[in-house]
Amino acid sequence: MLVEMSEQKRKISSALVNEGFGERLAQIRRARSISQVALGKAVGLSRGSISNLESGIQNVQLHQAFAFAQALNAPVSEFLPLLRDVLVHQDGETDSDQLFLQVSRRQLVEIDPLGDDDENA
């Protein structure tokens, strides 16, 4: 069953997709002790493009994700960020931000349930 994005009040952030992909690409590349230059040669990109992809500056294309998976001998899914990490609410916050705020508010209520501050007491 498809859920309309408007009902969820969340959308996928392309910037977060690129950042997440880039972080995973860099981690996998480093774990295999492969330089950006060597990886670039294997997939037909410049070292600068690899650097831009790893830093999330450059958009990754789907065929590139498969080329990286082949070159680094890793499942393509290893490069993809989790959906929950790329969804943003209408206010621009991610689910992680929302969870952090909920926990923080809950902790503040536990510390000072009435919201009294010591200066006015």
PDB file of N, CA and C in Angstrom:
ATOM      1  N   MET A   1       0.836  -1.178   0.000  1.00  0.00           N
ATOM      2  CA  MET A   1       0.000   0.000   0.000  1.00  0.00           C
ATOM      3  C   MET A   1       0.882   1.243   0.000  1.00  0.00           C
ATOM      4  N   LEU A   2       0.628   2.150  -0.922  1.00  0.00           N
ATOM      5  CA  LEU A   2       1.402   3.377  -0.992  1.00  0.00           C
ATOM      6  C   LEU A   2       0.801   4.435  -0.087  1.00  0.00           C
ATOM      7  N   VAL A   3       1.662   5.143   0.607  1.00  0.00           N
ATOM      8  CA  VAL A   3       1.221   6.237   1.466  1.00  0.00           C
ATOM      9  C   VAL A   3       1.679   7.527   0.804  1.00  0.00           C
ATOM     10  N   GLU A   4       0.761   8.443   0.631  1.00  0.00           N
ATOM     11  CA  GLU A   4       1.113   9.702   0.002  1.00  0.00           C
ATOM     12  C   GLU A   4       2.048  10.480   0.907  1.00  0.00           C
ATOM     13  N   MET A   5       3.060  11.097   0.298  1.00  0.00           N
ATOM     14  CA  MET A   5       4.044  11.856   1.062  1.00  0.00           C
ATOM     15  C   MET A   5       3.398  13.006   1.821  1.00  0.00           C
ATOM     16  N   SER A   6       2.326  13.594   1.283  1.00  0.00           N
ATOM     17  CA  SER A   6       1.676  14.702   1.969  1.00  0.00           C
ATOM     18  C   SER A   6       1.070  14.247   3.292  1.00  0.00           C
ATOM     19  N   GLU A   7       0.617  12.990   3.346  1.00  0.00           N
ATOM     20  CA  GLU A   7       0.080  12.452   4.591  1.00  0.00           C
ATOM     21  C   GLU A   7       1.177  12.283   5.627  1.00  0.00           C
ATOM     22  N   GLN A   8       2.348  11.939   5.176  1.00  0.00           N
ATOM     23  CA  GLN A   8       3.456  11.739   6.092  1.00  0.00           C
ATOM     24  C   GLN A   8       4.086  13.062   6.510  1.00  0.00           C
ATOM     25  N   LYS A   9       3.889  14.103   5.726  1.00  0.00           N
ATOM     26  CA  LYS A   9       4.488  15.410   5.955  1.00  0.00           C
ATOM     27  C   LYS A   9       6.013  15.311   6.015  1.00  0.00           C
ATOM     28  N   ARG A  10       6.558  14.393   5.218  1.00  0.00           N
ATOM     29  CA  ARG A  10       7.998  14.224   5.130  1.00  0.00           C
ATOM     30  C   ARG A  10       8.372  14.074   3.665  1.00  0.00           C
ATOM     31  N   LYS A  11       9.575  14.442   3.353  1.00  0.00           N
ATOM     32  CA  LYS A  11      10.068  14.261   1.996  1.00  0.00           C
ATOM     33  C   LYS A  11      11.510  13.783   2.067  1.00  0.00           C
ATOM     34  N   ILE A  12      11.974  13.229   0.969  1.00  0.00           N
ATOM     35  CA  ILE A  12      13.347  12.755   0.898  1.00  0.00           C
ATOM     36  C   ILE A  12      14.250  13.926   0.550  1.00  0.00           C
ATOM     37  N   SER A  13      15.298  14.095   1.326  1.00  0.00           N
ATOM     38  CA  SER A  13      16.269  15.156   1.087  1.00  0.00           C
ATOM     39  C   SER A  13      17.385  14.624   0.198  1.00  0.00           C
ATOM     40  N   SER A  14      17.511  15.191  -1.000  1.00  0.00           N
ATOM     41  CA  SER A  14      18.577  14.742  -1.898  1.00  0.00           C
ATOM     42  C   SER A  14      19.949  15.046  -1.297  1.00  0.00           C
ATOM     43  N   ALA A  15      20.057  16.124  -0.562  1.00  0.00           N
ATOM     44  CA  ALA A  15      21.337  16.452   0.086  1.00  0.00           C
ATOM     45  C   ALA A  15      21.725  15.377   1.092  1.00  0.00           C
ATOM     46  N   LEU A  16      20.755  14.894   1.875  1.00  0.00           N
ATOM     47  CA  LEU A  16      21.043  13.840   2.846  1.00  0.00           C
ATOM     48  C   LEU A  16      21.346  12.512   2.155  1.00  0.00           C
ATOM     49  N   VAL A  17      20.702  12.248   1.027  1.00  0.00           N
ATOM     50  CA  VAL A  17      21.008  11.040   0.253  1.00  0.00           C
ATOM     51  C   VAL A  17      22.456  11.101  -0.217  1.00  0.00           C
ATOM     52  N   ASN A  18      22.849  12.238  -0.781  1.00  0.00           N
ATOM     53  CA  ASN A  18      24.218  12.385  -1.277  1.00  0.00           C
ATOM     54  C   ASN A  18      25.237  12.296  -0.148  1.00  0.00           C
ATOM     55  N   GLU A  19      24.950  12.924   0.987  1.00  0.00           N
ATOM     56  CA  GLU A  19      25.868  12.871   2.125  1.00  0.00           C
ATOM     57  C   GLU A  19      26.005  11.444   2.652  1.00  0.00           C
ATOM     58  N   GLY A  20      24.872  10.772   2.802  1.00  0.00           N
ATOM     59  CA  GLY A  20      24.899   9.397   3.304  1.00  0.00           C
ATOM     60  C   GLY A  20      25.626   8.464   2.372  1.00  0.00           C
ATOM     61  N   PHE A  21      25.364   8.590   1.066  1.00  0.00           N
ATOM     62  CA  PHE A  21      26.052   7.768   0.083  1.00  0.00           C
ATOM     63  C   PHE A  21      27.553   8.039   0.140  1.00  0.00           C
ATOM     64  N   GLY A  22      27.917   9.307   0.173  1.00  0.00           N
ATOM     65  CA  GLY A  22      29.332   9.685   0.189  1.00  0.00           C
ATOM     66  C   GLY A  22      30.070   9.152   1.402  1.00  0.00           C
ATOM     67  N   GLU A  23      29.435   9.234   2.567  1.00  0.00           N
ATOM     68  CA  GLU A  23      30.060   8.714   3.786  1.00  0.00           C
ATOM     69  C   GLU A  23      30.300   7.217   3.667  1.00  0.00           C
ATOM     70  N   ARG A  24      29.319   6.507   3.170  1.00  0.00           N
ATOM     71  CA  ARG A  24      29.452   5.052   3.031  1.00  0.00           C
ATOM     72  C   ARG A  24      30.489   4.690   1.972  1.00  0.00           C
ATOM     73  N   LEU A  25      30.506   5.438   0.874  1.00  0.00           N
ATOM     74  CA  LEU A  25      31.500   5.200  -0.166  1.00  0.00           C
ATOM     75  C   LEU A  25      32.908   5.364   0.402  1.00  0.00           C
ATOM     76  N   ALA A  26      33.134   6.444   1.118  1.00  0.00           N
ATOM     77  CA  ALA A  26      34.455   6.702   1.706  1.00  0.00           C
ATOM     78  C   ALA A  26      34.839   5.604   2.704  1.00  0.00           C
ATOM     79  N   GLN A  27      33.895   5.188   3.540  1.00  0.00           N
ATOM     80  CA  GLN A  27      34.183   4.136   4.526  1.00  0.00           C
ATOM     81  C   GLN A  27      34.577   2.830   3.844  1.00  0.00           C
ATOM     82  N   ILE A  28      33.820   2.440   2.840  1.00  0.00           N
ATOM     83  CA  ILE A  28      34.097   1.180   2.153  1.00  0.00           C
ATOM     84  C   ILE A  28      35.422   1.268   1.396  1.00  0.00           C
ATOM     85  N   ARG A  29      35.657   2.391   0.754  1.00  0.00           N
ATOM     86  CA  ARG A  29      36.910   2.572   0.003  1.00  0.00           C
ATOM     87  C   ARG A  29      38.111   2.491   0.944  1.00  0.00           C
ATOM     88  N   ARG A  30      38.030   3.185   2.068  1.00  0.00           N
ATOM     89  CA  ARG A  30      39.139   3.173   3.033  1.00  0.00           C
ATOM     90  C   ARG A  30      39.338   1.790   3.641  1.00  0.00           C
ATOM     91  N   ALA A  31      38.244   1.103   3.933  1.00  0.00           N
ATOM     92  CA  ALA A  31      38.337  -0.243   4.509  1.00  0.00           C
ATOM     93  C   ALA A  31      39.059  -1.200   3.565  1.00  0.00           C
ATOM     94  N   ARG A  32      38.982  -0.908   2.272  1.00  0.00           N
ATOM     95  CA  ARG A  32      39.639  -1.759   1.284  1.00  0.00           C
ATOM     96  C   ARG A  32      41.008  -1.205   0.884  1.00  0.00           C
ATOM     97  N   SER A  33      41.424  -0.122   1.549  1.00  0.00           N
ATOM     98  CA  SER A  33      42.734   0.516   1.299  1.00  0.00           C
ATOM     99  C   SER A  33      42.929   0.878  -0.174  1.00  0.00           C
ATOM    100  N   ILE A  34      41.899   1.477  -0.743  1.00  0.00           N
ATOM    101  CA  ILE A  34      41.955   1.902  -2.142  1.00  0.00           C
ATOM    102  C   ILE A  34      41.939   3.424  -2.174  1.00  0.00           C
ATOM    103  N   SER A  35      42.826   4.005  -2.952  1.00  0.00           N
ATOM    104  CA  SER A  35      42.895   5.468  -3.049  1.00  0.00           C
ATOM    105  C   SER A  35      41.749   5.991  -3.909  1.00  0.00           C
ATOM    106  N   GLN A  36      41.493   7.287  -3.775  1.00  0.00           N
ATOM    107  CA  GLN A  36      40.478   7.914  -4.612  1.00  0.00           C
ATOM    108  C   GLN A  36      40.883   7.839  -6.084  1.00  0.00           C
ATOM    109  N   VAL A  37      42.166   7.984  -6.350  1.00  0.00           N
ATOM    110  CA  VAL A  37      42.663   7.917  -7.734  1.00  0.00           C
ATOM    111  C   VAL A  37      42.394   6.529  -8.316  1.00  0.00           C
ATOM    112  N   ALA A  38      42.745   5.483  -7.558  1.00  0.00           N
ATOM    113  CA  ALA A  38      42.551   4.113  -8.053  1.00  0.00           C
ATOM    114  C   ALA A  38      41.072   3.807  -8.255  1.00  0.00           C
ATOM    115  N   LEU A  39      40.233   4.238  -7.326  1.00  0.00           N
ATOM    116  CA  LEU A  39      38.798   4.007  -7.475  1.00  0.00           C
ATOM    117  C   LEU A  39      38.261   4.755  -8.682  1.00  0.00           C
ATOM    118  N   GLY A  40      38.711   5.990  -8.847  1.00  0.00           N
ATOM    119  CA  GLY A  40      38.285   6.777  -9.999  1.00  0.00           C
ATOM    120  C   GLY A  40      38.619   6.102 -11.318  1.00  0.00           C
ATOM    121  N   LYS A  41      39.821   5.556 -11.403  1.00  0.00           N
ATOM    122  CA  LYS A  41      40.232   4.849 -12.626  1.00  0.00           C
ATOM    123  C   LYS A  41      39.346   3.628 -12.856  1.00  0.00           C
ATOM    124  N   ALA A  42      39.009   2.925 -11.778  1.00  0.00           N
ATOM    125  CA  ALA A  42      38.199   1.703 -11.905  1.00  0.00           C
ATOM    126  C   ALA A  42      36.780   1.991 -12.395  1.00  0.00           C
ATOM    127  N   VAL A  43      36.255   3.177 -12.057  1.00  0.00           N
ATOM    128  CA  VAL A  43      34.866   3.484 -12.430  1.00  0.00           C
ATOM    129  C   VAL A  43      34.755   4.576 -13.496  1.00  0.00           C
ATOM    130  N   GLY A  44      35.898   5.081 -13.965  1.00  0.00           N
ATOM    131  CA  GLY A  44      35.879   6.084 -15.034  1.00  0.00           C
ATOM    132  C   GLY A  44      35.586   7.497 -14.568  1.00  0.00           C
ATOM    133  N   LEU A  45      36.006   7.825 -13.344  1.00  0.00           N
ATOM    134  CA  LEU A  45      35.819   9.179 -12.812  1.00  0.00           C
ATOM    135  C   LEU A  45      37.158   9.748 -12.356  1.00  0.00           C
ATOM    136  N   SER A  46      37.230  11.051 -12.251  1.00  0.00           N
ATOM    137  CA  SER A  46      38.450  11.688 -11.753  1.00  0.00           C
ATOM    138  C   SER A  46      38.512  11.590 -10.226  1.00  0.00           C
ATOM    139  N   ARG A  47      39.706  11.808  -9.684  1.00  0.00           N
ATOM    140  CA  ARG A  47      39.861  11.830  -8.234  1.00  0.00           C
ATOM    141  C   ARG A  47      38.980  12.930  -7.633  1.00  0.00           C
ATOM    142  N   GLY A  48      38.882  14.052  -8.326  1.00  0.00           N
ATOM    143  CA  GLY A  48      38.050  15.155  -7.862  1.00  0.00           C
ATOM    144  C   GLY A  48      36.583  14.772  -7.759  1.00  0.00           C
ATOM    145  N   SER A  49      36.105  14.006  -8.731  1.00  0.00           N
ATOM    146  CA  SER A  49      34.715  13.543  -8.686  1.00  0.00           C
ATOM    147  C   SER A  49      34.497  12.588  -7.517  1.00  0.00           C
ATOM    148  N   ILE A  50      35.465  11.699  -7.285  1.00  0.00           N
ATOM    149  CA  ILE A  50      35.350  10.784  -6.148  1.00  0.00           C
ATOM    150  C   ILE A  50      35.309  11.592  -4.849  1.00  0.00           C
ATOM    151  N   SER A  51      36.172  12.575  -4.745  1.00  0.00           N
ATOM    152  CA  SER A  51      36.198  13.431  -3.553  1.00  0.00           C
ATOM    153  C   SER A  51      34.867  14.163  -3.373  1.00  0.00           C
ATOM    154  N   ASN A  52      34.333  14.696  -4.472  1.00  0.00           N
ATOM    155  CA  ASN A  52      33.051  15.410  -4.412  1.00  0.00           C
ATOM    156  C   ASN A  52      31.906  14.477  -4.027  1.00  0.00           C
ATOM    157  N   LEU A  53      31.920  13.256  -4.548  1.00  0.00           N
ATOM    158  CA  LEU A  53      30.887  12.280  -4.184  1.00  0.00           C
ATOM    159  C   LEU A  53      30.995  11.918  -2.707  1.00  0.00           C
ATOM    160  N   GLU A  54      32.205  11.683  -2.249  1.00  0.00           N
ATOM    161  CA  GLU A  54      32.394  11.300  -0.846  1.00  0.00           C
ATOM    162  C   GLU A  54      32.002  12.416   0.118  1.00  0.00           C
ATOM    163  N   SER A  55      32.149  13.650  -0.298  1.00  0.00           N
ATOM    164  CA  SER A  55      31.778  14.767   0.576  1.00  0.00           C
ATOM    165  C   SER A  55      30.316  15.175   0.405  1.00  0.00           C
ATOM    166  N   GLY A  56      29.600  14.526  -0.513  1.00  0.00           N
ATOM    167  CA  GLY A  56      28.181  14.812  -0.699  1.00  0.00           C
ATOM    168  C   GLY A  56      27.904  16.022  -1.560  1.00  0.00           C
ATOM    169  N   ILE A  57      28.938  16.581  -2.174  1.00  0.00           N
ATOM    170  CA  ILE A  57      28.777  17.771  -3.011  1.00  0.00           C
ATOM    171  C   ILE A  57      28.171  17.415  -4.357  1.00  0.00           C
ATOM    172  N   GLN A  58      28.570  16.275  -4.889  1.00  0.00           N
ATOM    173  CA  GLN A  58      28.145  15.852  -6.224  1.00  0.00           C
ATOM    174  C   GLN A  58      27.060  14.792  -6.118  1.00  0.00           C
ATOM    175  N   ASN A  59      26.034  14.925  -6.942  1.00  0.00           N
ATOM    176  CA  ASN A  59      24.966  13.924  -6.985  1.00  0.00           C
ATOM    177  C   ASN A  59      25.494  12.617  -7.536  1.00  0.00           C
ATOM    178  N   VAL A  60      25.112  11.526  -6.913  1.00  0.00           N
ATOM    179  CA  VAL A  60      25.487  10.214  -7.411  1.00  0.00           C
ATOM    180  C   VAL A  60      24.404   9.733  -8.375  1.00  0.00           C
ATOM    181  N   GLN A  61      24.809   9.118  -9.447  1.00  0.00           N
ATOM    182  CA  GLN A  61      23.866   8.542 -10.399  1.00  0.00           C
ATOM    183  C   GLN A  61      23.747   7.054 -10.106  1.00  0.00           C
ATOM    184  N   LEU A  62      22.605   6.504 -10.407  1.00  0.00           N
ATOM    185  CA  LEU A  62      22.338   5.112 -10.076  1.00  0.00           C
ATOM    186  C   LEU A  62      23.369   4.162 -10.682  1.00  0.00           C
ATOM    187  N   HIS A  63      23.732   4.378 -11.928  1.00  0.00           N
ATOM    188  CA  HIS A  63      24.713   3.485 -12.553  1.00  0.00           C
ATOM    189  C   HIS A  63      26.076   3.582 -11.866  1.00  0.00           C
ATOM    190  N   GLN A  64      26.381   4.757 -11.298  1.00  0.00           N
ATOM    191  CA  GLN A  64      27.638   4.905 -10.564  1.00  0.00           C
ATOM    192  C   GLN A  64      27.632   4.073  -9.287  1.00  0.00           C
ATOM    193  N   ALA A  65      26.493   4.010  -8.622  1.00  0.00           N
ATOM    194  CA  ALA A  65      26.397   3.199  -7.407  1.00  0.00           C
ATOM    195  C   ALA A  65      26.727   1.742  -7.720  1.00  0.00           C
ATOM    196  N   PHE A  66      26.234   1.248  -8.849  1.00  0.00           N
ATOM    197  CA  PHE A  66      26.532  -0.120  -9.248  1.00  0.00           C
ATOM    198  C   PHE A  66      28.005  -0.287  -9.635  1.00  0.00           C
ATOM    199  N   ALA A  67      28.573   0.728 -10.279  1.00  0.00           N
ATOM    200  CA  ALA A  67      29.991   0.674 -10.646  1.00  0.00           C
ATOM    201  C   ALA A  67      30.869   0.636  -9.391  1.00  0.00           C
ATOM    202  N   PHE A  68      30.514   1.422  -8.382  1.00  0.00           N
ATOM    203  CA  PHE A  68      31.273   1.407  -7.123  1.00  0.00           C
ATOM    204  C   PHE A  68      31.138   0.047  -6.438  1.00  0.00           C
ATOM    205  N   ALA A  69      29.943  -0.491  -6.451  1.00  0.00           N
ATOM    206  CA  ALA A  69      29.721  -1.803  -5.836  1.00  0.00           C
ATOM    207  C   ALA A  69      30.595  -2.856  -6.502  1.00  0.00           C
ATOM    208  N   GLN A  70      30.663  -2.816  -7.821  1.00  0.00           N
ATOM    209  CA  GLN A  70      31.480  -3.783  -8.550  1.00  0.00           C
ATOM    210  C   GLN A  70      32.967  -3.554  -8.270  1.00  0.00           C
ATOM    211  N   ALA A  71      33.402  -2.305  -8.332  1.00  0.00           N
ATOM    212  CA  ALA A  71      34.821  -1.991  -8.154  1.00  0.00           C
ATOM    213  C   ALA A  71      35.304  -2.304  -6.735  1.00  0.00           C
ATOM    214  N   LEU A  72      34.429  -2.118  -5.756  1.00  0.00           N
ATOM    215  CA  LEU A  72      34.823  -2.327  -4.357  1.00  0.00           C
ATOM    216  C   LEU A  72      34.358  -3.681  -3.825  1.00  0.00           C
ATOM    217  N   ASN A  73      33.772  -4.492  -4.693  1.00  0.00           N
ATOM    218  CA  ASN A  73      33.310  -5.831  -4.322  1.00  0.00           C
ATOM    219  C   ASN A  73      32.414  -5.783  -3.076  1.00  0.00           C
ATOM    220  N   ALA A  74      31.375  -4.966  -3.175  1.00  0.00           N
ATOM    221  CA  ALA A  74      30.432  -4.799  -2.067  1.00  0.00           C
ATOM    222  C   ALA A  74      29.023  -4.739  -2.642  1.00  0.00           C
ATOM    223  N   PRO A  75      28.035  -5.183  -1.881  1.00  0.00           N
ATOM    224  CA  PRO A  75      26.651  -5.062  -2.362  1.00  0.00           C
ATOM    225  C   PRO A  75      26.278  -3.590  -2.528  1.00  0.00           C
ATOM    226  N   VAL A  76      25.530  -3.284  -3.556  1.00  0.00           N
ATOM    227  CA  VAL A  76      25.138  -1.893  -3.801  1.00  0.00           C
ATOM    228  C   VAL A  76      24.364  -1.328  -2.606  1.00  0.00           C
ATOM    229  N   SER A  77      23.649  -2.182  -1.895  1.00  0.00           N
ATOM    230  CA  SER A  77      22.877  -1.720  -0.733  1.00  0.00           C
ATOM    231  C   SER A  77      23.769  -1.153   0.369  1.00  0.00           C
ATOM    232  N   GLU A  78      25.036  -1.558   0.397  1.00  0.00           N
ATOM    233  CA  GLU A  78      25.969  -1.051   1.409  1.00  0.00           C
ATOM    234  C   GLU A  78      26.231   0.446   1.257  1.00  0.00           C
ATOM    235  N   PHE A  79      26.009   0.962   0.066  1.00  0.00           N
ATOM    236  CA  PHE A  79      26.291   2.368  -0.212  1.00  0.00           C
ATOM    237  C   PHE A  79      25.096   3.281   0.064  1.00  0.00           C
ATOM    238  N   LEU A  80      23.920   2.680   0.204  1.00  0.00           N
ATOM    239  CA  LEU A  80      22.698   3.476   0.319  1.00  0.00           C
ATOM    240  C   LEU A  80      22.389   3.814   1.768  1.00  0.00           C
ATOM    241  N   PRO A  81      22.119   5.081   2.053  1.00  0.00           N
ATOM    242  CA  PRO A  81      21.703   5.430   3.415  1.00  0.00           C
ATOM    243  C   PRO A  81      20.313   4.869   3.703  1.00  0.00           C
ATOM    244  N   LEU A  82      19.988   4.752   4.959  1.00  0.00           N
ATOM    245  CA  LEU A  82      18.669   4.268   5.353  1.00  0.00           C
ATOM    246  C   LEU A  82      17.617   5.338   5.081  1.00  0.00           C
ATOM    247  N   LEU A  83      16.425   4.903   4.751  1.00  0.00           N
ATOM    248  CA  LEU A  83      15.344   5.836   4.449  1.00  0.00           C
ATOM    249  C   LEU A  83      15.103   6.800   5.604  1.00  0.00           C
ATOM    250  N   ARG A  84      15.104   6.290   6.824  1.00  0.00           N
ATOM    251  CA  ARG A  84      14.844   7.163   7.980  1.00  0.00           C
ATOM    252  C   ARG A  84      15.889   8.270   8.122  1.00  0.00           C
ATOM    253  N   ASP A  85      17.072   8.058   7.554  1.00  0.00           N
ATOM    254  CA  ASP A  85      18.140   9.049   7.658  1.00  0.00           C
ATOM    255  C   ASP A  85      18.079  10.119   6.577  1.00  0.00           C
ATOM    256  N   VAL A  86      17.205   9.957   5.598  1.00  0.00           N
ATOM    257  CA  VAL A  86      17.128  10.939   4.515  1.00  0.00           C
ATOM    258  C   VAL A  86      15.766  11.625   4.431  1.00  0.00           C
ATOM    259  N   LEU A  87      14.845  11.243   5.302  1.00  0.00           N
ATOM    260  CA  LEU A  87      13.533  11.892   5.324  1.00  0.00           C
ATOM    261  C   LEU A  87      13.590  13.147   6.176  1.00  0.00           C
ATOM    262  N   VAL A  88      12.977  14.203   5.690  1.00  0.00           N
ATOM    263  CA  VAL A  88      12.892  15.441   6.456  1.00  0.00           C
ATOM    264  C   VAL A  88      11.427  15.845   6.589  1.00  0.00           C
ATOM    265  N   HIS A  89      11.114  16.463   7.685  1.00  0.00           N
ATOM    266  CA  HIS A  89       9.767  16.966   7.930  1.00  0.00           C
ATOM    267  C   HIS A  89       9.609  18.316   7.246  1.00  0.00           C
ATOM    268  N   GLN A  90       8.407  18.812   7.199  1.00  0.00           N
ATOM    269  CA  GLN A  90       8.164  20.096   6.543  1.00  0.00           C
ATOM    270  C   GLN A  90       8.978  21.224   7.163  1.00  0.00           C
ATOM    271  N   ASP A  91       9.311  21.094   8.453  1.00  0.00           N
ATOM    272  CA  ASP A  91      10.111  22.122   9.101  1.00  0.00           C
ATOM    273  C   ASP A  91      11.605  21.957   8.827  1.00  0.00           C
ATOM    274  N   GLY A  92      11.965  20.940   8.021  1.00  0.00           N
ATOM    275  CA  GLY A  92      13.354  20.726   7.647  1.00  0.00           C
ATOM    276  C   GLY A  92      14.121  19.811   8.571  1.00  0.00           C
ATOM    277  N   GLU A  93      13.482  19.344   9.633  1.00  0.00           N
ATOM    278  CA  GLU A  93      14.163  18.466  10.572  1.00  0.00           C
ATOM    279  C   GLU A  93      14.030  17.016  10.134  1.00  0.00           C
ATOM    280  N   THR A  94      15.036  16.223  10.448  1.00  0.00           N
ATOM    281  CA  THR A  94      15.004  14.805  10.132  1.00  0.00           C
ATOM    282  C   THR A  94      14.299  14.054  11.250  1.00  0.00           C
ATOM    283  N   ASP A  95      13.993  12.779  11.009  1.00  0.00           N
ATOM    284  CA  ASP A  95      13.412  11.951  12.066  1.00  0.00           C
ATOM    285  C   ASP A  95      14.349  11.877  13.258  1.00  0.00           C
ATOM    286  N   SER A  96      15.653  11.827  13.001  1.00  0.00           N
ATOM    287  CA  SER A  96      16.632  11.793  14.088  1.00  0.00           C
ATOM    288  C   SER A  96      16.553  13.071  14.919  1.00  0.00           C
ATOM    289  N   ASP A  97      16.402  14.215  14.238  1.00  0.00           N
ATOM    290  CA  ASP A  97      16.243  15.485  14.957  1.00  0.00           C
ATOM    291  C   ASP A  97      14.990  15.462  15.818  1.00  0.00           C
ATOM    292  N   GLN A  98      13.888  14.959  15.232  1.00  0.00           N
ATOM    293  CA  GLN A  98      12.624  14.888  15.954  1.00  0.00           C
ATOM    294  C   GLN A  98      12.752  13.997  17.187  1.00  0.00           C
ATOM    295  N   LEU A  99      13.395  12.842  17.028  1.00  0.00           N
ATOM    296  CA  LEU A  99      13.582  11.930  18.148  1.00  0.00           C
ATOM    297  C   LEU A  99      14.435  12.583  19.227  1.00  0.00           C
ATOM    298  N   PHE A 100      15.505  13.254  18.836  1.00  0.00           N
ATOM    299  CA  PHE A 100      16.360  13.953  19.796  1.00  0.00           C
ATOM    300  C   PHE A 100      15.566  14.993  20.580  1.00  0.00           C
ATOM    301  N   LEU A 101      14.745  15.760  19.876  1.00  0.00           N
ATOM    302  CA  LEU A 101      13.938  16.777  20.549  1.00  0.00           C
ATOM    303  C   LEU A 101      12.930  16.155  21.511  1.00  0.00           C
ATOM    304  N   GLN A 102      12.309  15.051  21.105  1.00  0.00           N
ATOM    305  CA  GLN A 102      11.351  14.375  21.984  1.00  0.00           C
ATOM    306  C   GLN A 102      12.023  13.876  23.250  1.00  0.00           C
ATOM    307  N   VAL A 103      13.167  13.242  23.105  1.00  0.00           N
ATOM    308  CA  VAL A 103      13.893  12.719  24.265  1.00  0.00           C
ATOM    309  C   VAL A 103      14.355  13.863  25.154  1.00  0.00           C
ATOM    310  N   SER A 104      14.868  14.928  24.541  1.00  0.00           N
ATOM    311  CA  SER A 104      15.336  16.079  25.308  1.00  0.00           C
ATOM    312  C   SER A 104      14.203  16.709  26.106  1.00  0.00           C
ATOM    313  N   ARG A 105      13.047  16.879  25.470  1.00  0.00           N
ATOM    314  CA  ARG A 105      11.894  17.460  26.169  1.00  0.00           C
ATOM    315  C   ARG A 105      11.464  16.569  27.327  1.00  0.00           C
ATOM    316  N   ARG A 106      11.452  15.250  27.085  1.00  0.00           N
ATOM    317  CA  ARG A 106      11.070  14.303  28.127  1.00  0.00           C
ATOM    318  C   ARG A 106      12.037  14.392  29.307  1.00  0.00           C
ATOM    319  N   GLN A 107      13.332  14.502  29.021  1.00  0.00           N
ATOM    320  CA  GLN A 107      14.322  14.608  30.091  1.00  0.00           C
ATOM    321  C   GLN A 107      14.169  15.913  30.852  1.00  0.00           C
ATOM    322  N   LEU A 108      13.858  16.990  30.151  1.00  0.00           N
ATOM    323  CA  LEU A 108      13.660  18.276  30.825  1.00  0.00           C
ATOM    324  C   LEU A 108      12.451  18.231  31.754  1.00  0.00           C
ATOM    325  N   VAL A 109      11.395  17.575  31.320  1.00  0.00           N
ATOM    326  CA  VAL A 109      10.196  17.445  32.155  1.00  0.00           C
ATOM    327  C   VAL A 109      10.512  16.621  33.394  1.00  0.00           C
ATOM    328  N   GLU A 110      11.324  15.597  33.252  1.00  0.00           N
ATOM    329  CA  GLU A 110      11.697  14.776  34.399  1.00  0.00           C
ATOM    330  C   GLU A 110      12.530  15.574  35.388  1.00  0.00           C
ATOM    331  N   ILE A 111      13.368  16.481  34.891  1.00  0.00           N
ATOM    332  CA  ILE A 111      14.207  17.297  35.758  1.00  0.00           C
ATOM    333  C   ILE A 111      13.378  18.381  36.430  1.00  0.00           C
ATOM    334  N   ASP A 112      12.519  19.044  35.686  1.00  0.00           N
ATOM    335  CA  ASP A 112      11.734  20.160  36.194  1.00  0.00           C
ATOM    336  C   ASP A 112      10.321  20.062  35.621  1.00  0.00           C
ATOM    337  N   PRO A 113       9.461  19.208  36.228  1.00  0.00           N
ATOM    338  CA  PRO A 113       8.150  18.920  35.651  1.00  0.00           C
ATOM    339  C   PRO A 113       7.258  20.142  35.460  1.00  0.00           C
ATOM    340  N   LEU A 114       7.396  21.159  36.280  1.00  0.00           N
ATOM    341  CA  LEU A 114       6.524  22.324  36.168  1.00  0.00           C
ATOM    342  C   LEU A 114       7.125  23.417  35.290  1.00  0.00           C
ATOM    343  N   GLY A 115       8.364  23.231  34.884  1.00  0.00           N
ATOM    344  CA  GLY A 115       8.993  24.242  34.052  1.00  0.00           C
ATOM    345  C   GLY A 115       9.425  25.448  34.855  1.00  0.00           C
ATOM    346  N   ASP A 116       9.474  25.316  36.163  1.00  0.00           N
ATOM    347  CA  ASP A 116       9.928  26.441  37.001  1.00  0.00           C
ATOM    348  C   ASP A 116      11.423  26.618  36.827  1.00  0.00           C
ATOM    349  N   ASP A 117      11.843  27.855  36.766  1.00  0.00           N
ATOM    350  CA  ASP A 117      13.285  28.068  36.784  1.00  0.00           C
ATOM    351  C   ASP A 117      13.662  28.647  38.140  1.00  0.00           C
ATOM    352  N   ASP A 118      14.856  28.385  38.563  1.00  0.00           N
ATOM    353  CA  ASP A 118      15.295  28.747  39.921  1.00  0.00           C
ATOM    354  C   ASP A 118      15.273  30.245  40.176  1.00  0.00           C
ATOM    355  N   GLU A 119      15.416  31.075  39.156  1.00  0.00           N
ATOM    356  CA  GLU A 119      15.460  32.509  39.354  1.00  0.00           C
ATOM    357  C   GLU A 119      14.125  33.063  39.831  1.00  0.00           C
ATOM    358  N   ASN A 120      13.023  32.484  39.435  1.00  0.00           N
ATOM    359  CA  ASN A 120      11.702  32.996  39.801  1.00  0.00           C
ATOM    360  C   ASN A 120      11.127  32.301  41.021  1.00  0.00           C
ATOM    361  N   ALA A 121      11.812  31.324  41.572  1.00  0.00           N
ATOM    362  CA  ALA A 121      11.295  30.567  42.708  1.00  0.00           C
ATOM    363  C   ALA A 121      11.473  31.311  44.005  1.00  0.00           C
TER     364      ALA A 121
END
